[in-house]
């Protein structure tokens, strides 16, 4: 199971950029994710079971469906 948290930030990339360039560099951020991307739709398009959860309280009931 993979959980995707869409906070519009590619953490692995942005954290590495902070280490190399600093957070206040003029070219930052070099990468960002769209908050409108529907990763559940992408996963379903790749023939995976997927669900979109908007509230933390709904995680358990959603996960147990799979």
PDB file of N, CA and C in Angstrom:
ATOM      1  N   UNK A   1       0.839  -1.168   0.000  1.00  0.00           N
ATOM      2  CA  UNK A   1       0.000   0.000   0.000  1.00  0.00           C
ATOM      3  C   UNK A   1       0.886   1.234   0.000  1.00  0.00           C
ATOM      4  N   UNK A   2       0.492   2.199  -0.796  1.00  0.00           N
ATOM      5  CA  UNK A   2       1.197   3.472  -0.856  1.00  0.00           C
ATOM      6  C   UNK A   2       0.211   4.586  -0.529  1.00  0.00           C
ATOM      7  N   UNK A   3       0.628   5.489   0.317  1.00  0.00           N
ATOM      8  CA  UNK A   3      -0.192   6.644   0.654  1.00  0.00           C
ATOM      9  C   UNK A   3       0.485   7.873   0.065  1.00  0.00           C
ATOM     10  N   UNK A   4      -0.262   8.604  -0.748  1.00  0.00           N
ATOM     11  CA  UNK A   4       0.254   9.831  -1.349  1.00  0.00           C
ATOM     12  C   UNK A   4      -0.390  10.998  -0.621  1.00  0.00           C
ATOM     13  N   UNK A   5       0.430  11.847  -0.056  1.00  0.00           N
ATOM     14  CA  UNK A   5      -0.052  13.059   0.596  1.00  0.00           C
ATOM     15  C   UNK A   5       0.224  14.205  -0.356  1.00  0.00           C
ATOM     16  N   UNK A   6      -0.819  14.783  -0.903  1.00  0.00           N
ATOM     17  CA  UNK A   6      -0.625  15.860  -1.872  1.00  0.00           C
ATOM     18  C   UNK A   6      -0.643  17.210  -1.160  1.00  0.00           C
ATOM     19  N   UNK A   7       0.540  17.628  -0.763  1.00  0.00           N
ATOM     20  CA  UNK A   7       0.678  18.950  -0.151  1.00  0.00           C
ATOM     21  C   UNK A   7       1.379  19.916  -1.110  1.00  0.00           C
ATOM     22  N   UNK A   8       1.297  19.599  -2.400  1.00  0.00           N
ATOM     23  CA  UNK A   8       1.866  20.419  -3.480  1.00  0.00           C
ATOM     24  C   UNK A   8       3.376  20.587  -3.354  1.00  0.00           C
ATOM     25  N   UNK A   9       4.039  19.610  -2.741  1.00  0.00           N
ATOM     26  CA  UNK A   9       5.471  19.712  -2.522  1.00  0.00           C
ATOM     27  C   UNK A   9       6.119  18.352  -2.757  1.00  0.00           C
ATOM     28  N   UNK A  10       7.137  18.322  -3.566  1.00  0.00           N
ATOM     29  CA  UNK A  10       7.884  17.098  -3.786  1.00  0.00           C
ATOM     30  C   UNK A  10       9.022  17.115  -2.776  1.00  0.00           C
ATOM     31  N   UNK A  11       8.742  16.601  -1.570  1.00  0.00           N
ATOM     32  CA  UNK A  11       9.623  16.745  -0.419  1.00  0.00           C
ATOM     33  C   UNK A  11      11.049  16.296  -0.652  1.00  0.00           C
ATOM     34  N   UNK A  12      11.244  15.153  -1.313  1.00  0.00           N
ATOM     35  CA  UNK A  12      12.590  14.649  -1.548  1.00  0.00           C
ATOM     36  C   UNK A  12      13.399  15.667  -2.354  1.00  0.00           C
ATOM     37  N   UNK A  13      12.782  16.234  -3.362  1.00  0.00           N
ATOM     38  CA  UNK A  13      13.477  17.185  -4.222  1.00  0.00           C
ATOM     39  C   UNK A  13      13.687  18.530  -3.536  1.00  0.00           C
ATOM     40  N   UNK A  14      12.647  19.052  -2.908  1.00  0.00           N
ATOM     41  CA  UNK A  14      12.776  20.373  -2.296  1.00  0.00           C
ATOM     42  C   UNK A  14      13.726  20.372  -1.105  1.00  0.00           C
ATOM     43  N   UNK A  15      13.733  19.288  -0.311  1.00  0.00           N
ATOM     44  CA  UNK A  15      14.670  19.221   0.809  1.00  0.00           C
ATOM     45  C   UNK A  15      16.112  19.173   0.318  1.00  0.00           C
ATOM     46  N   UNK A  16      16.359  18.421  -0.744  1.00  0.00           N
ATOM     47  CA  UNK A  16      17.700  18.374  -1.327  1.00  0.00           C
ATOM     48  C   UNK A  16      18.113  19.729  -1.880  1.00  0.00           C
ATOM     49  N   UNK A  17      17.185  20.424  -2.500  1.00  0.00           N
ATOM     50  CA  UNK A  17      17.485  21.756  -3.032  1.00  0.00           C
ATOM     51  C   UNK A  17      17.813  22.729  -1.905  1.00  0.00           C
ATOM     52  N   UNK A  18      17.101  22.627  -0.797  1.00  0.00           N
ATOM     53  CA  UNK A  18      17.398  23.489   0.345  1.00  0.00           C
ATOM     54  C   UNK A  18      18.826  23.264   0.836  1.00  0.00           C
ATOM     55  N   UNK A  19      19.239  21.995   0.872  1.00  0.00           N
ATOM     56  CA  UNK A  19      20.599  21.680   1.328  1.00  0.00           C
ATOM     57  C   UNK A  19      21.658  22.255   0.393  1.00  0.00           C
ATOM     58  N   UNK A  20      21.406  22.174  -0.900  1.00  0.00           N
ATOM     59  CA  UNK A  20      22.394  22.617  -1.884  1.00  0.00           C
ATOM     60  C   UNK A  20      22.357  24.131  -2.082  1.00  0.00           C
ATOM     61  N   UNK A  21      21.156  24.704  -2.241  1.00  0.00           N
ATOM     62  CA  UNK A  21      21.024  26.108  -2.629  1.00  0.00           C
ATOM     63  C   UNK A  21      20.552  27.034  -1.516  1.00  0.00           C
ATOM     64  N   UNK A  22      19.955  26.458  -0.490  1.00  0.00           N
ATOM     65  CA  UNK A  22      19.341  27.285   0.545  1.00  0.00           C
ATOM     66  C   UNK A  22      17.904  27.605   0.181  1.00  0.00           C
ATOM     67  N   UNK A  23      17.075  27.773   1.170  1.00  0.00           N
ATOM     68  CA  UNK A  23      15.646  27.970   0.950  1.00  0.00           C
ATOM     69  C   UNK A  23      15.323  29.310   0.304  1.00  0.00           C
ATOM     70  N   UNK A  24      16.210  30.286   0.412  1.00  0.00           N
ATOM     71  CA  UNK A  24      15.925  31.626  -0.096  1.00  0.00           C
ATOM     72  C   UNK A  24      16.565  31.906  -1.453  1.00  0.00           C
ATOM     73  N   UNK A  25      17.066  30.876  -2.133  1.00  0.00           N
ATOM     74  CA  UNK A  25      17.698  31.042  -3.444  1.00  0.00           C
ATOM     75  C   UNK A  25      16.654  31.520  -4.461  1.00  0.00           C
ATOM     76  N   UNK A  26      17.052  32.367  -5.393  1.00  0.00           N
ATOM     77  CA  UNK A  26      16.119  32.958  -6.353  1.00  0.00           C
ATOM     78  C   UNK A  26      15.421  31.926  -7.234  1.00  0.00           C
ATOM     79  N   UNK A  27      16.035  30.791  -7.447  1.00  0.00           N
ATOM     80  CA  UNK A  27      15.466  29.766  -8.321  1.00  0.00           C
ATOM     81  C   UNK A  27      14.584  28.767  -7.579  1.00  0.00           C
ATOM     82  N   UNK A  28      14.332  28.975  -6.310  1.00  0.00           N
ATOM     83  CA  UNK A  28      13.539  28.035  -5.521  1.00  0.00           C
ATOM     84  C   UNK A  28      12.071  28.350  -5.609  1.00  0.00           C
ATOM     85  N   UNK A  29      11.143  27.453  -5.607  1.00  0.00           N
ATOM     86  CA  UNK A  29      11.419  26.017  -5.739  1.00  0.00           C
ATOM     87  C   UNK A  29      11.559  25.626  -7.208  1.00  0.00           C
ATOM     88  N   UNK A  30      12.414  24.703  -7.466  1.00  0.00           N
ATOM     89  CA  UNK A  30      12.610  24.224  -8.820  1.00  0.00           C
ATOM     90  C   UNK A  30      11.539  23.220  -9.207  1.00  0.00           C
ATOM     91  N   UNK A  31      10.947  22.582  -8.217  1.00  0.00           N
ATOM     92  CA  UNK A  31       9.866  21.638  -8.510  1.00  0.00           C
ATOM     93  C   UNK A  31       8.736  21.821  -7.515  1.00  0.00           C
ATOM     94  N   UNK A  32       7.540  21.678  -7.999  1.00  0.00           N
ATOM     95  CA  UNK A  32       6.356  21.743  -7.155  1.00  0.00           C
ATOM     96  C   UNK A  32       5.300  20.854  -7.794  1.00  0.00           C
ATOM     97  N   UNK A  33       4.407  20.342  -7.004  1.00  0.00           N
ATOM     98  CA  UNK A  33       3.320  19.523  -7.506  1.00  0.00           C
ATOM     99  C   UNK A  33       2.038  20.341  -7.543  1.00  0.00           C
ATOM    100  N   UNK A  34       1.187  20.022  -8.477  1.00  0.00           N
ATOM    101  CA  UNK A  34      -0.083  20.715  -8.585  1.00  0.00           C
ATOM    102  C   UNK A  34      -1.047  20.214  -7.520  1.00  0.00           C
ATOM    103  N   UNK A  35      -1.692  21.120  -6.845  1.00  0.00           N
ATOM    104  CA  UNK A  35      -2.669  20.723  -5.837  1.00  0.00           C
ATOM    105  C   UNK A  35      -3.933  20.169  -6.486  1.00  0.00           C
ATOM    106  N   UNK A  36      -4.094  20.361  -7.783  1.00  0.00           N
ATOM    107  CA  UNK A  36      -5.295  19.866  -8.458  1.00  0.00           C
ATOM    108  C   UNK A  36      -5.122  18.473  -9.067  1.00  0.00           C
ATOM    109  N   UNK A  37      -3.917  17.900  -8.989  1.00  0.00           N
ATOM    110  CA  UNK A  37      -3.700  16.562  -9.533  1.00  0.00           C
ATOM    111  C   UNK A  37      -4.481  15.535  -8.729  1.00  0.00           C
ATOM    112  N   UNK A  38      -5.201  14.685  -9.405  1.00  0.00           N
ATOM    113  CA  UNK A  38      -6.002  13.654  -8.752  1.00  0.00           C
ATOM    114  C   UNK A  38      -5.240  12.335  -8.828  1.00  0.00           C
ATOM    115  N   UNK A  39      -4.407  12.090  -7.820  1.00  0.00           N
ATOM    116  CA  UNK A  39      -3.548  10.908  -7.822  1.00  0.00           C
ATOM    117  C   UNK A  39      -4.342   9.612  -7.752  1.00  0.00           C
ATOM    118  N   UNK A  40      -5.537   9.654  -7.181  1.00  0.00           N
ATOM    119  CA  UNK A  40      -6.375   8.465  -7.188  1.00  0.00           C
ATOM    120  C   UNK A  40      -6.785   8.097  -8.614  1.00  0.00           C
ATOM    121  N   UNK A  41      -7.052   9.080  -9.441  1.00  0.00           N
ATOM    122  CA  UNK A  41      -7.409   8.836 -10.839  1.00  0.00           C
ATOM    123  C   UNK A  41      -6.194   8.288 -11.598  1.00  0.00           C
ATOM    124  N   UNK A  42      -5.021   8.839 -11.316  1.00  0.00           N
ATOM    125  CA  UNK A  42      -3.786   8.341 -11.943  1.00  0.00           C
ATOM    126  C   UNK A  42      -3.575   6.876 -11.568  1.00  0.00           C
ATOM    127  N   UNK A  43      -3.725   6.548 -10.287  1.00  0.00           N
ATOM    128  CA  UNK A  43      -3.537   5.168  -9.834  1.00  0.00           C
ATOM    129  C   UNK A  43      -4.540   4.228 -10.495  1.00  0.00           C
ATOM    130  N   UNK A  44      -5.780   4.644 -10.590  1.00  0.00           N
ATOM    131  CA  UNK A  44      -6.803   3.817 -11.237  1.00  0.00           C
ATOM    132  C   UNK A  44      -6.482   3.627 -12.719  1.00  0.00           C
ATOM    133  N   UNK A  45      -5.955   4.669 -13.350  1.00  0.00           N
ATOM    134  CA  UNK A  45      -5.559   4.575 -14.752  1.00  0.00           C
ATOM    135  C   UNK A  45      -4.440   3.573 -14.973  1.00  0.00           C
ATOM    136  N   UNK A  46      -3.665   3.315 -13.925  1.00  0.00           N
ATOM    137  CA  UNK A  46      -2.591   2.315 -13.975  1.00  0.00           C
ATOM    138  C   UNK A  46      -3.071   0.978 -13.414  1.00  0.00           C
ATOM    139  N   UNK A  47      -4.389   0.816 -13.339  1.00  0.00           N
ATOM    140  CA  UNK A  47      -5.039  -0.419 -12.906  1.00  0.00           C
ATOM    141  C   UNK A  47      -4.744  -0.795 -11.454  1.00  0.00           C
ATOM    142  N   UNK A  48      -4.657   0.211 -10.606  1.00  0.00           N
ATOM    143  CA  UNK A  48      -4.483  -0.007  -9.168  1.00  0.00           C
ATOM    144  C   UNK A  48      -5.782   0.330  -8.446  1.00  0.00           C
ATOM    145  N   UNK A  49      -6.003  -0.326  -7.333  1.00  0.00           N
ATOM    146  CA  UNK A  49      -7.101   0.082  -6.465  1.00  0.00           C
ATOM    147  C   UNK A  49      -6.695   1.416  -5.847  1.00  0.00           C
ATOM    148  N   UNK A  50      -7.634   2.340  -5.752  1.00  0.00           N
ATOM    149  CA  UNK A  50      -7.278   3.663  -5.241  1.00  0.00           C
ATOM    150  C   UNK A  50      -8.508   4.331  -4.642  1.00  0.00           C
ATOM    151  N   UNK A  51      -8.250   5.240  -3.729  1.00  0.00           N
ATOM    152  CA  UNK A  51      -9.310   6.034  -3.125  1.00  0.00           C
ATOM    153  C   UNK A  51      -8.743   7.382  -2.733  1.00  0.00           C
ATOM    154  N   UNK A  52      -9.600   8.374  -2.748  1.00  0.00           N
ATOM    155  CA  UNK A  52      -9.201   9.712  -2.316  1.00  0.00           C
ATOM    156  C   UNK A  52      -9.817   9.964  -0.945  1.00  0.00           C
ATOM    157  N   UNK A  53      -8.993  10.355  -0.004  1.00  0.00           N
ATOM    158  CA  UNK A  53      -9.439  10.640   1.360  1.00  0.00           C
ATOM    159  C   UNK A  53      -9.120  12.099   1.650  1.00  0.00           C
ATOM    160  N   UNK A  54     -10.110  12.843   2.064  1.00  0.00           N
ATOM    161  CA  UNK A  54      -9.921  14.267   2.344  1.00  0.00           C
ATOM    162  C   UNK A  54      -9.842  14.584   3.827  1.00  0.00           C
ATOM    163  N   UNK A  55     -10.317  13.661   4.663  1.00  0.00           N
ATOM    164  CA  UNK A  55     -10.308  13.886   6.103  1.00  0.00           C
ATOM    165  C   UNK A  55      -9.534  12.770   6.796  1.00  0.00           C
ATOM    166  N   UNK A  56      -8.701  13.134   7.731  1.00  0.00           N
ATOM    167  CA  UNK A  56      -7.900  12.156   8.476  1.00  0.00           C
ATOM    168  C   UNK A  56      -8.792  11.096   9.109  1.00  0.00           C
ATOM    169  N   UNK A  57      -9.932  11.480   9.595  1.00  0.00           N
ATOM    170  CA  UNK A  57     -10.840  10.551  10.247  1.00  0.00           C
ATOM    171  C   UNK A  57     -11.390   9.472   9.329  1.00  0.00           C
ATOM    172  N   UNK A  58     -11.255   9.667   8.031  1.00  0.00           N
ATOM    173  CA  UNK A  58     -11.764   8.689   7.062  1.00  0.00           C
ATOM    174  C   UNK A  58     -10.708   7.687   6.606  1.00  0.00           C
ATOM    175  N   UNK A  59      -9.482   7.811   7.068  1.00  0.00           N
ATOM    176  CA  UNK A  59      -8.406   6.934   6.592  1.00  0.00           C
ATOM    177  C   UNK A  59      -8.675   5.479   6.947  1.00  0.00           C
ATOM    178  N   UNK A  60      -8.960   5.198   8.203  1.00  0.00           N
ATOM    179  CA  UNK A  60      -9.135   3.807   8.641  1.00  0.00           C
ATOM    180  C   UNK A  60     -10.229   3.101   7.840  1.00  0.00           C
ATOM    181  N   UNK A  61     -11.378   3.708   7.710  1.00  0.00           N
ATOM    182  CA  UNK A  61     -12.480   3.048   7.002  1.00  0.00           C
ATOM    183  C   UNK A  61     -12.156   2.870   5.523  1.00  0.00           C
ATOM    184  N   UNK A  62     -11.416   3.781   4.951  1.00  0.00           N
ATOM    185  CA  UNK A  62     -11.051   3.665   3.534  1.00  0.00           C
ATOM    186  C   UNK A  62     -10.030   2.553   3.342  1.00  0.00           C
ATOM    187  N   UNK A  63      -9.027   2.496   4.201  1.00  0.00           N
ATOM    188  CA  UNK A  63      -7.979   1.474   4.083  1.00  0.00           C
ATOM    189  C   UNK A  63      -8.544   0.075   4.277  1.00  0.00           C
ATOM    190  N   UNK A  64      -9.475  -0.085   5.176  1.00  0.00           N
ATOM    191  CA  UNK A  64     -10.008  -1.426   5.442  1.00  0.00           C
ATOM    192  C   UNK A  64     -10.852  -1.955   4.285  1.00  0.00           C
ATOM    193  N   UNK A  65     -11.252  -1.108   3.371  1.00  0.00           N
ATOM    194  CA  UNK A  65     -11.997  -1.548   2.177  1.00  0.00           C
ATOM    195  C   UNK A  65     -11.113  -2.333   1.214  1.00  0.00           C
ATOM    196  N   UNK A  66      -9.810  -2.107   1.320  1.00  0.00           N
ATOM    197  CA  UNK A  66      -8.880  -2.766   0.406  1.00  0.00           C
ATOM    198  C   UNK A  66      -8.260  -3.951   1.102  1.00  0.00           C
TER     199      UNK A  66
END
